[in-house]
């Protein structure tokens, strides 16, 4: 979803925003949970590991 929004942003601007990677997209927790639950178990584990690594590095 984020990739689609970023692609849309680039296609709607005459000169792409050089800071587009810094733009965040807030989504409701219920929607995020729903997307997460639709992932295959192996993919969910990757997301969990990435989140754990991100929090550990912060």
C-alpha atoms as a PDB file:
ATOM      1  CA  UNK A   1       0.000   0.000   0.000  1.00  0.00           C
ATOM      2  CA  UNK A   2       2.772   2.441   0.884  1.00  0.00           C
ATOM      3  CA  UNK A   3       4.487   1.719  -2.430  1.00  0.00           C
ATOM      4  CA  UNK A   4       1.285   2.481  -4.296  1.00  0.00           C
ATOM      5  CA  UNK A   5       0.883   5.779  -2.450  1.00  0.00           C
ATOM      6  CA  UNK A   6       4.483   6.753  -3.128  1.00  0.00           C
ATOM      7  CA  UNK A   7       4.127   5.881  -6.815  1.00  0.00           C
ATOM      8  CA  UNK A   8       0.988   7.991  -6.960  1.00  0.00           C
ATOM      9  CA  UNK A   9       2.829  10.895  -5.370  1.00  0.00           C
ATOM     10  CA  UNK A  10       5.580  10.696  -7.964  1.00  0.00           C
ATOM     11  CA  UNK A  11       3.105  10.481 -10.820  1.00  0.00           C
ATOM     12  CA  UNK A  12       1.149  13.521  -9.587  1.00  0.00           C
ATOM     13  CA  UNK A  13       4.126  15.862  -9.369  1.00  0.00           C
ATOM     14  CA  UNK A  14       5.965  17.528 -12.212  1.00  0.00           C
ATOM     15  CA  UNK A  15       9.206  17.331 -10.229  1.00  0.00           C
ATOM     16  CA  UNK A  16       9.362  14.422  -7.776  1.00  0.00           C
ATOM     17  CA  UNK A  17       9.764  15.364  -4.147  1.00  0.00           C
ATOM     18  CA  UNK A  18      13.337  14.459  -3.123  1.00  0.00           C
ATOM     19  CA  UNK A  19      12.107  13.891   0.437  1.00  0.00           C
ATOM     20  CA  UNK A  20       9.333  11.427  -0.468  1.00  0.00           C
ATOM     21  CA  UNK A  21      11.018   8.665   1.546  1.00  0.00           C
ATOM     22  CA  UNK A  22      10.538  10.771   4.679  1.00  0.00           C
ATOM     23  CA  UNK A  23       6.775  11.059   4.202  1.00  0.00           C
ATOM     24  CA  UNK A  24       4.812   8.786   6.493  1.00  0.00           C
ATOM     25  CA  UNK A  25       1.367   7.349   5.896  1.00  0.00           C
ATOM     26  CA  UNK A  26      -0.698   6.804   9.023  1.00  0.00           C
ATOM     27  CA  UNK A  27      -3.244   4.008   8.837  1.00  0.00           C
ATOM     28  CA  UNK A  28      -5.675   2.847  11.512  1.00  0.00           C
ATOM     29  CA  UNK A  29      -4.369   0.058  13.754  1.00  0.00           C
ATOM     30  CA  UNK A  30      -7.340  -2.144  12.846  1.00  0.00           C
ATOM     31  CA  UNK A  31      -6.438  -1.882   9.153  1.00  0.00           C
ATOM     32  CA  UNK A  32      -2.756  -2.609   9.833  1.00  0.00           C
ATOM     33  CA  UNK A  33      -3.718  -5.622  11.957  1.00  0.00           C
ATOM     34  CA  UNK A  34      -6.014  -6.883   9.209  1.00  0.00           C
ATOM     35  CA  UNK A  35      -3.239  -6.626   6.618  1.00  0.00           C
ATOM     36  CA  UNK A  36      -0.774  -8.333   8.961  1.00  0.00           C
ATOM     37  CA  UNK A  37      -3.164 -11.203   9.640  1.00  0.00           C
ATOM     38  CA  UNK A  38      -3.564 -11.799   5.895  1.00  0.00           C
ATOM     39  CA  UNK A  39       0.162 -12.474   5.500  1.00  0.00           C
ATOM     40  CA  UNK A  40       1.480 -15.995   5.309  1.00  0.00           C
ATOM     41  CA  UNK A  41       3.021 -17.147   8.618  1.00  0.00           C
ATOM     42  CA  UNK A  42       6.564 -16.968   7.216  1.00  0.00           C
ATOM     43  CA  UNK A  43       5.972 -13.383   6.056  1.00  0.00           C
ATOM     44  CA  UNK A  44       4.491 -12.444   9.439  1.00  0.00           C
ATOM     45  CA  UNK A  45       7.657 -13.751  11.096  1.00  0.00           C
ATOM     46  CA  UNK A  46       9.777 -11.539   8.828  1.00  0.00           C
ATOM     47  CA  UNK A  47       7.697  -8.505   9.797  1.00  0.00           C
ATOM     48  CA  UNK A  48       7.973  -9.382  13.489  1.00  0.00           C
ATOM     49  CA  UNK A  49      11.751  -9.823  13.228  1.00  0.00           C
ATOM     50  CA  UNK A  50      12.128  -6.526  11.362  1.00  0.00           C
ATOM     51  CA  UNK A  51      10.048  -4.729  13.982  1.00  0.00           C
ATOM     52  CA  UNK A  52      12.065  -6.263  16.810  1.00  0.00           C
ATOM     53  CA  UNK A  53      15.341  -5.278  15.122  1.00  0.00           C
ATOM     54  CA  UNK A  54      14.082  -1.729  14.542  1.00  0.00           C
ATOM     55  CA  UNK A  55      13.030  -1.317  18.187  1.00  0.00           C
ATOM     56  CA  UNK A  56      16.329  -2.784  19.414  1.00  0.00           C
ATOM     57  CA  UNK A  57      18.299  -0.310  17.295  1.00  0.00           C
ATOM     58  CA  UNK A  58      16.316   2.712  18.503  1.00  0.00           C
END
